[in-house]
C-alpha cells in the first residue's frame, strides 16, 4: 500500500518536473489528494469498527509482527496470525493485515463465520476461501 503510494508520488513529481509549467502548489495538492486516498482506507476500517491489533517480537535475526483483526460491530475477532516471516517483513505484514481486514469487509458473512463450527458446511467453505486468499496474499 505505502509502496504504491510512494510510486504514485514519485510519478507525480517526475511529471511535474517534466511539465515545467505547473506550480509547486499544484504538485502539493496532487500529493495531498493521494495521501488522503490512503488515509481513507484506515478511516473505512475504523468506521466499520475494524481494529487490527499488533504484537511485535524482536529477535537477533529480525522481528516478527503477529496480528489479530477485531470486528467490534460483530463482537468477534480473528485468531492471532503468528507471523514467522510468511507475510514478509514487518512492513509487508502490516499491508497484508489491512488487505485481510478489507477482504472480510467485502462479505460480512465471513466475519460471522469466524467463530463457526467445523461441522458447518458454510464454515468449511469460508475456511477454504480464507486459505486461498492467504495463499494469494503471500
N, C-alpha and C. Protein backbone atom coordinates (compact mmCIF):
# COMPACT_ATOMS: atom_id res chain seq x y z
N UNK A 1 0.83 -1.18 0.00
CA UNK A 1 0.00 0.00 0.00
C UNK A 1 0.87 1.24 0.00
N UNK A 2 1.79 1.35 0.96
CA UNK A 2 2.65 2.51 1.01
C UNK A 2 3.64 2.53 -0.14
N UNK A 3 4.07 1.34 -0.62
CA UNK A 3 4.96 1.28 -1.77
C UNK A 3 4.24 1.83 -3.00
N UNK A 4 2.96 1.51 -3.12
CA UNK A 4 2.15 2.03 -4.22
C UNK A 4 2.00 3.54 -4.09
N UNK A 5 1.77 4.02 -2.90
CA UNK A 5 1.66 5.45 -2.65
C UNK A 5 2.97 6.14 -3.00
N UNK A 6 4.08 5.56 -2.56
CA UNK A 6 5.40 6.11 -2.87
C UNK A 6 5.60 6.21 -4.38
N UNK A 7 5.27 5.13 -5.10
CA UNK A 7 5.42 5.13 -6.57
C UNK A 7 4.55 6.18 -7.22
N UNK A 8 3.34 6.34 -6.72
CA UNK A 8 2.43 7.34 -7.29
C UNK A 8 2.94 8.76 -7.04
N UNK A 9 3.46 9.00 -5.86
CA UNK A 9 4.02 10.32 -5.55
C UNK A 9 5.24 10.58 -6.42
N UNK A 10 6.07 9.58 -6.54
CA UNK A 10 7.26 9.72 -7.39
C UNK A 10 6.86 10.03 -8.84
N UNK A 11 5.84 9.36 -9.33
CA UNK A 11 5.34 9.61 -10.69
C UNK A 11 4.84 11.05 -10.83
N UNK A 12 4.10 11.54 -9.81
CA UNK A 12 3.62 12.93 -9.86
C UNK A 12 4.78 13.91 -9.91
N UNK A 13 5.82 13.66 -9.14
CA UNK A 13 6.98 14.56 -9.10
C UNK A 13 7.70 14.56 -10.45
N UNK A 14 7.88 13.39 -11.03
CA UNK A 14 8.53 13.30 -12.34
C UNK A 14 7.73 14.05 -13.39
N UNK A 15 6.41 13.82 -13.41
CA UNK A 15 5.55 14.51 -14.39
C UNK A 15 5.58 16.03 -14.17
N UNK A 16 5.56 16.45 -12.91
CA UNK A 16 5.61 17.88 -12.59
C UNK A 16 6.92 18.48 -13.08
N UNK A 17 8.00 17.76 -12.87
CA UNK A 17 9.32 18.23 -13.27
C UNK A 17 9.43 18.35 -14.80
N UNK A 18 8.91 17.35 -15.51
CA UNK A 18 8.95 17.36 -16.97
C UNK A 18 8.07 18.47 -17.54
N UNK A 19 6.88 18.66 -16.92
CA UNK A 19 5.93 19.67 -17.41
C UNK A 19 6.54 21.07 -17.39
N UNK A 20 7.13 21.44 -16.27
CA UNK A 20 7.81 22.72 -16.16
C UNK A 20 6.91 23.94 -16.04
N UNK A 21 5.60 23.78 -16.10
CA UNK A 21 4.69 24.92 -16.04
C UNK A 21 3.80 24.94 -14.80
N UNK A 22 3.59 23.78 -14.21
CA UNK A 22 2.71 23.71 -13.04
C UNK A 22 3.47 24.20 -11.81
N UNK A 23 2.73 24.79 -10.89
CA UNK A 23 3.34 25.34 -9.68
C UNK A 23 3.61 24.24 -8.66
N UNK A 24 4.44 24.57 -7.68
CA UNK A 24 4.70 23.66 -6.58
C UNK A 24 3.41 23.41 -5.80
N UNK A 25 2.57 24.43 -5.72
CA UNK A 25 1.27 24.27 -5.04
C UNK A 25 0.40 23.23 -5.72
N UNK A 26 0.44 23.21 -7.06
CA UNK A 26 -0.32 22.21 -7.82
C UNK A 26 0.17 20.81 -7.46
N UNK A 27 1.50 20.64 -7.45
CA UNK A 27 2.07 19.35 -7.09
C UNK A 27 1.69 18.96 -5.67
N UNK A 28 1.77 19.90 -4.75
CA UNK A 28 1.42 19.64 -3.36
C UNK A 28 -0.03 19.18 -3.24
N UNK A 29 -0.94 19.83 -3.93
CA UNK A 29 -2.35 19.44 -3.89
C UNK A 29 -2.55 18.01 -4.43
N UNK A 30 -1.83 17.66 -5.49
CA UNK A 30 -1.94 16.31 -6.04
C UNK A 30 -1.42 15.27 -5.04
N UNK A 31 -0.31 15.57 -4.39
CA UNK A 31 0.25 14.64 -3.40
C UNK A 31 -0.70 14.49 -2.21
N UNK A 32 -1.25 15.60 -1.75
CA UNK A 32 -2.19 15.54 -0.61
C UNK A 32 -3.43 14.72 -0.97
N UNK A 33 -3.86 14.79 -2.21
CA UNK A 33 -5.01 14.00 -2.65
C UNK A 33 -4.68 12.51 -2.58
N UNK A 34 -3.47 12.15 -3.01
CA UNK A 34 -3.05 10.74 -2.93
C UNK A 34 -2.98 10.26 -1.48
N UNK A 35 -2.41 11.08 -0.62
CA UNK A 35 -2.31 10.72 0.79
C UNK A 35 -3.70 10.58 1.41
N UNK A 36 -4.59 11.47 1.03
CA UNK A 36 -5.97 11.41 1.51
C UNK A 36 -6.63 10.10 1.14
N UNK A 37 -6.37 9.60 -0.08
CA UNK A 37 -6.93 8.32 -0.51
C UNK A 37 -6.43 7.19 0.39
N UNK A 38 -5.16 7.22 0.74
CA UNK A 38 -4.59 6.20 1.62
C UNK A 38 -5.20 6.28 3.01
N UNK A 39 -5.35 7.48 3.52
CA UNK A 39 -5.94 7.65 4.85
C UNK A 39 -7.40 7.19 4.88
N UNK A 40 -8.08 7.29 3.74
CA UNK A 40 -9.47 6.83 3.67
C UNK A 40 -9.59 5.33 3.91
N UNK A 41 -8.56 4.58 3.55
CA UNK A 41 -8.57 3.14 3.81
C UNK A 41 -8.66 2.90 5.32
N UNK A 42 -7.84 3.62 6.07
CA UNK A 42 -7.85 3.47 7.53
C UNK A 42 -9.16 3.98 8.12
N UNK A 43 -9.69 5.05 7.57
CA UNK A 43 -10.96 5.61 8.05
C UNK A 43 -12.10 4.62 7.81
N UNK A 44 -12.10 3.99 6.65
CA UNK A 44 -13.13 3.00 6.32
C UNK A 44 -13.10 1.85 7.32
N UNK A 45 -11.90 1.38 7.65
CA UNK A 45 -11.79 0.30 8.64
C UNK A 45 -12.36 0.76 9.98
N UNK A 46 -11.95 1.94 10.41
CA UNK A 46 -12.42 2.46 11.69
C UNK A 46 -13.93 2.67 11.69
N UNK A 47 -14.45 3.22 10.61
CA UNK A 47 -15.90 3.45 10.51
C UNK A 47 -16.70 2.16 10.59
N UNK A 48 -16.07 1.06 10.19
CA UNK A 48 -16.72 -0.24 10.23
C UNK A 48 -16.40 -1.01 11.51
N UNK A 49 -15.77 -0.33 12.46
CA UNK A 49 -15.46 -0.97 13.74
C UNK A 49 -14.40 -2.03 13.64
N UNK A 50 -13.46 -1.84 12.70
CA UNK A 50 -12.40 -2.82 12.49
C UNK A 50 -11.10 -2.26 13.05
N UNK A 51 -10.49 -3.03 13.93
CA UNK A 51 -9.23 -2.62 14.56
C UNK A 51 -8.25 -3.78 14.44
N UNK A 52 -7.04 -3.47 14.01
CA UNK A 52 -6.02 -4.50 13.86
C UNK A 52 -5.04 -4.35 15.03
N UNK A 53 -4.90 -5.43 15.79
CA UNK A 53 -4.01 -5.43 16.95
C UNK A 53 -2.70 -6.10 16.54
N UNK A 54 -1.60 -5.46 16.88
CA UNK A 54 -0.28 -5.97 16.51
C UNK A 54 0.52 -6.32 17.77
N UNK A 55 1.33 -7.35 17.66
CA UNK A 55 2.24 -7.73 18.75
C UNK A 55 3.61 -8.02 18.14
N UNK A 56 4.56 -7.11 18.33
CA UNK A 56 5.89 -7.34 17.77
C UNK A 56 6.72 -8.27 18.65
N UNK A 57 7.58 -9.02 18.00
CA UNK A 57 8.54 -9.87 18.70
C UNK A 57 9.90 -9.60 18.05
N UNK A 58 10.88 -9.30 18.86
CA UNK A 58 12.20 -8.96 18.34
C UNK A 58 13.19 -10.06 18.66
N UNK A 59 13.95 -10.44 17.65
CA UNK A 59 14.96 -11.47 17.78
C UNK A 59 16.28 -10.94 17.25
N UNK A 60 17.34 -11.70 17.45
CA UNK A 60 18.64 -11.24 16.96
C UNK A 60 18.69 -11.22 15.44
N UNK A 61 17.87 -12.05 14.78
CA UNK A 61 17.89 -12.10 13.32
C UNK A 61 16.75 -11.29 12.69
N UNK A 62 16.04 -10.49 13.46
CA UNK A 62 14.95 -9.68 12.90
C UNK A 62 13.76 -9.63 13.82
N UNK A 63 12.65 -9.20 13.25
CA UNK A 63 11.42 -9.05 14.02
C UNK A 63 10.27 -9.77 13.34
N UNK A 64 9.37 -10.25 14.14
CA UNK A 64 8.10 -10.79 13.66
C UNK A 64 7.00 -9.85 14.12
N UNK A 65 5.94 -9.80 13.36
CA UNK A 65 4.80 -8.99 13.75
C UNK A 65 3.55 -9.83 13.63
N UNK A 66 3.01 -10.24 14.77
CA UNK A 66 1.77 -11.01 14.79
C UNK A 66 0.60 -10.03 14.85
N UNK A 67 -0.56 -10.47 14.35
CA UNK A 67 -1.72 -9.58 14.37
C UNK A 67 -3.02 -10.36 14.50
N UNK A 68 -4.01 -9.65 14.97
CA UNK A 68 -5.38 -10.15 15.06
C UNK A 68 -6.31 -9.02 14.66
N UNK A 69 -7.38 -9.35 13.96
CA UNK A 69 -8.31 -8.33 13.48
C UNK A 69 -9.60 -8.41 14.30
N UNK A 70 -9.94 -7.29 14.92
CA UNK A 70 -11.15 -7.21 15.75
C UNK A 70 -12.26 -6.52 14.97
N UNK A 71 -13.45 -7.10 15.02
CA UNK A 71 -14.64 -6.54 14.38
C UNK A 71 -15.63 -6.20 15.49
N UNK A 72 -15.55 -4.97 15.99
CA UNK A 72 -16.33 -4.60 17.17
C UNK A 72 -17.83 -4.65 16.92
N UNK A 73 -18.26 -4.34 15.72
CA UNK A 73 -19.70 -4.37 15.43
C UNK A 73 -20.27 -5.78 15.45
N UNK A 74 -19.39 -6.76 15.28
CA UNK A 74 -19.82 -8.16 15.29
C UNK A 74 -19.41 -8.86 16.59
N UNK A 75 -18.70 -8.11 17.44
CA UNK A 75 -18.23 -8.66 18.71
C UNK A 75 -17.43 -9.95 18.53
N UNK A 76 -16.52 -9.91 17.56
CA UNK A 76 -15.66 -11.07 17.30
C UNK A 76 -14.29 -10.59 16.85
N UNK A 77 -13.38 -11.53 16.83
CA UNK A 77 -12.01 -11.22 16.46
C UNK A 77 -11.38 -12.46 15.85
N UNK A 78 -10.51 -12.26 14.86
CA UNK A 78 -9.81 -13.41 14.29
C UNK A 78 -8.83 -13.95 15.33
N UNK A 79 -8.37 -15.15 15.10
CA UNK A 79 -7.27 -15.64 15.91
C UNK A 79 -6.02 -14.84 15.56
N UNK A 80 -4.96 -15.10 16.27
CA UNK A 80 -3.72 -14.38 16.00
C UNK A 80 -2.99 -15.02 14.83
N UNK A 81 -2.61 -14.19 13.89
CA UNK A 81 -1.76 -14.63 12.80
C UNK A 81 -0.33 -14.45 13.30
N UNK A 82 0.29 -15.55 13.68
CA UNK A 82 1.63 -15.50 14.26
C UNK A 82 2.64 -15.51 13.12
N UNK A 83 3.10 -14.35 12.79
CA UNK A 83 3.99 -14.19 11.65
C UNK A 83 5.37 -14.77 11.94
N UNK A 84 5.78 -15.67 11.09
CA UNK A 84 7.15 -16.16 11.12
C UNK A 84 7.76 -15.85 9.75
N UNK A 85 7.57 -14.62 9.34
CA UNK A 85 8.03 -14.07 8.07
C UNK A 85 7.23 -14.58 6.87
N UNK A 86 6.16 -15.34 7.07
CA UNK A 86 5.38 -15.79 5.91
C UNK A 86 4.64 -14.64 5.24
N UNK A 87 4.43 -13.56 5.96
CA UNK A 87 3.81 -12.38 5.35
C UNK A 87 4.87 -11.40 4.85
N UNK A 88 6.12 -11.72 5.06
CA UNK A 88 7.20 -10.81 4.66
C UNK A 88 7.74 -10.09 5.88
N UNK A 89 8.34 -8.95 5.64
CA UNK A 89 8.89 -8.17 6.75
C UNK A 89 7.76 -7.46 7.51
N UNK A 90 8.11 -6.69 8.49
CA UNK A 90 7.11 -6.01 9.32
C UNK A 90 6.20 -5.13 8.47
N UNK A 91 6.80 -4.37 7.55
CA UNK A 91 6.00 -3.50 6.68
C UNK A 91 4.98 -4.32 5.87
N UNK A 92 5.47 -5.39 5.21
CA UNK A 92 4.57 -6.20 4.39
C UNK A 92 3.47 -6.85 5.23
N UNK A 93 3.81 -7.23 6.45
CA UNK A 93 2.80 -7.82 7.34
C UNK A 93 1.69 -6.82 7.63
N UNK A 94 2.05 -5.57 7.87
CA UNK A 94 1.03 -4.54 8.13
C UNK A 94 0.14 -4.36 6.91
N UNK A 95 0.74 -4.28 5.73
CA UNK A 95 -0.03 -4.11 4.49
C UNK A 95 -0.98 -5.28 4.30
N UNK A 96 -0.47 -6.49 4.49
CA UNK A 96 -1.30 -7.68 4.27
C UNK A 96 -2.39 -7.82 5.33
N UNK A 97 -2.14 -7.37 6.54
CA UNK A 97 -3.19 -7.41 7.56
C UNK A 97 -4.34 -6.48 7.18
N UNK A 98 -4.02 -5.34 6.60
CA UNK A 98 -5.06 -4.40 6.16
C UNK A 98 -5.84 -5.01 5.00
N UNK A 99 -5.15 -5.65 4.07
CA UNK A 99 -5.84 -6.29 2.93
C UNK A 99 -6.75 -7.40 3.42
N UNK A 100 -6.30 -8.14 4.44
CA UNK A 100 -7.14 -9.20 5.00
C UNK A 100 -8.39 -8.60 5.66
N UNK A 101 -8.22 -7.51 6.40
CA UNK A 101 -9.38 -6.85 7.01
C UNK A 101 -10.36 -6.38 5.94
N UNK A 102 -9.84 -5.84 4.86
CA UNK A 102 -10.71 -5.40 3.75
C UNK A 102 -11.43 -6.59 3.12
N UNK A 103 -10.74 -7.71 3.01
CA UNK A 103 -11.34 -8.92 2.46
C UNK A 103 -12.55 -9.35 3.30
N UNK A 104 -12.39 -9.30 4.60
CA UNK A 104 -13.51 -9.65 5.48
C UNK A 104 -14.68 -8.69 5.26
N UNK A 105 -14.40 -7.41 5.12
CA UNK A 105 -15.47 -6.42 4.95
C UNK A 105 -16.20 -6.55 3.62
N UNK A 106 -15.55 -7.12 2.61
CA UNK A 106 -16.20 -7.32 1.31
C UNK A 106 -17.43 -8.20 1.43
N UNK A 107 -17.40 -9.14 2.37
CA UNK A 107 -18.52 -10.05 2.58
C UNK A 107 -18.67 -10.27 4.09
N UNK A 108 -19.54 -9.50 4.73
CA UNK A 108 -19.70 -9.60 6.20
C UNK A 108 -20.03 -11.01 6.70
N UNK A 109 -20.52 -11.87 5.82
CA UNK A 109 -20.80 -13.26 6.23
C UNK A 109 -19.50 -13.93 6.70
N UNK A 110 -18.38 -13.52 6.10
CA UNK A 110 -17.08 -14.07 6.52
C UNK A 110 -16.81 -13.75 7.99
N UNK A 111 -17.17 -12.53 8.38
CA UNK A 111 -16.96 -12.11 9.77
C UNK A 111 -17.80 -12.98 10.70
N UNK A 112 -19.04 -13.21 10.30
CA UNK A 112 -19.95 -14.02 11.11
C UNK A 112 -19.44 -15.45 11.26
N UNK A 113 -18.68 -15.92 10.26
CA UNK A 113 -18.21 -17.30 10.27
C UNK A 113 -16.89 -17.49 11.02
N UNK A 114 -16.27 -16.40 11.48
CA UNK A 114 -15.00 -16.51 12.20
C UNK A 114 -15.11 -17.50 13.36
N UNK A 115 -16.21 -17.46 14.08
CA UNK A 115 -16.41 -18.34 15.24
C UNK A 115 -17.25 -19.56 14.89
N UNK A 116 -17.20 -19.96 13.61
CA UNK A 116 -18.03 -21.06 13.14
C UNK A 116 -17.60 -22.42 13.67
N UNK A 117 -18.31 -23.42 13.22
CA UNK A 117 -18.08 -24.80 13.66
C UNK A 117 -17.61 -25.65 12.48
N UNK A 118 -16.68 -26.52 12.73
CA UNK A 118 -16.14 -27.39 11.69
C UNK A 118 -17.22 -28.30 11.10
N UNK A 119 -18.31 -28.51 11.82
CA UNK A 119 -19.41 -29.33 11.31
C UNK A 119 -20.33 -28.57 10.35
N UNK A 120 -20.14 -27.29 10.21
CA UNK A 120 -20.98 -26.44 9.35
C UNK A 120 -20.34 -26.33 7.97
N UNK A 121 -21.07 -26.72 6.94
CA UNK A 121 -20.55 -26.68 5.56
C UNK A 121 -20.16 -25.26 5.15
N UNK A 122 -20.94 -24.26 5.56
CA UNK A 122 -20.61 -22.87 5.25
C UNK A 122 -19.27 -22.47 5.84
N UNK A 123 -19.00 -22.95 7.04
CA UNK A 123 -17.74 -22.66 7.71
C UNK A 123 -16.57 -23.29 6.95
N UNK A 124 -16.75 -24.50 6.48
CA UNK A 124 -15.71 -25.18 5.69
C UNK A 124 -15.43 -24.39 4.41
N UNK A 125 -16.48 -23.93 3.76
CA UNK A 125 -16.30 -23.11 2.55
C UNK A 125 -15.56 -21.82 2.86
N UNK A 126 -15.91 -21.21 3.99
CA UNK A 126 -15.22 -19.98 4.43
C UNK A 126 -13.74 -20.24 4.65
N UNK A 127 -13.41 -21.34 5.33
CA UNK A 127 -12.00 -21.67 5.59
C UNK A 127 -11.23 -21.89 4.30
N UNK A 128 -11.86 -22.55 3.34
CA UNK A 128 -11.22 -22.77 2.04
C UNK A 128 -10.97 -21.45 1.34
N UNK A 129 -11.97 -20.59 1.35
CA UNK A 129 -11.85 -19.27 0.74
C UNK A 129 -10.75 -18.45 1.44
N UNK A 130 -10.72 -18.52 2.75
CA UNK A 130 -9.70 -17.80 3.53
C UNK A 130 -8.30 -18.32 3.18
N UNK A 131 -8.14 -19.63 3.14
CA UNK A 131 -6.83 -20.20 2.80
C UNK A 131 -6.39 -19.79 1.40
N UNK A 132 -7.31 -19.80 0.46
CA UNK A 132 -6.98 -19.36 -0.90
C UNK A 132 -6.57 -17.90 -0.93
N UNK A 133 -7.27 -17.07 -0.17
CA UNK A 133 -6.93 -15.65 -0.12
C UNK A 133 -5.54 -15.47 0.49
N UNK A 134 -5.28 -16.16 1.59
CA UNK A 134 -3.98 -16.04 2.24
C UNK A 134 -2.84 -16.56 1.35
N UNK A 135 -3.10 -17.63 0.60
CA UNK A 135 -2.08 -18.13 -0.32
C UNK A 135 -1.74 -17.10 -1.38
N UNK A 136 -2.77 -16.45 -1.92
CA UNK A 136 -2.54 -15.42 -2.95
C UNK A 136 -1.95 -14.15 -2.37
N UNK A 137 -2.16 -13.91 -1.10
CA UNK A 137 -1.67 -12.72 -0.43
C UNK A 137 -0.16 -12.81 -0.19
N UNK A 138 0.31 -14.01 0.08
CA UNK A 138 1.73 -14.19 0.43
C UNK A 138 2.63 -14.29 -0.76
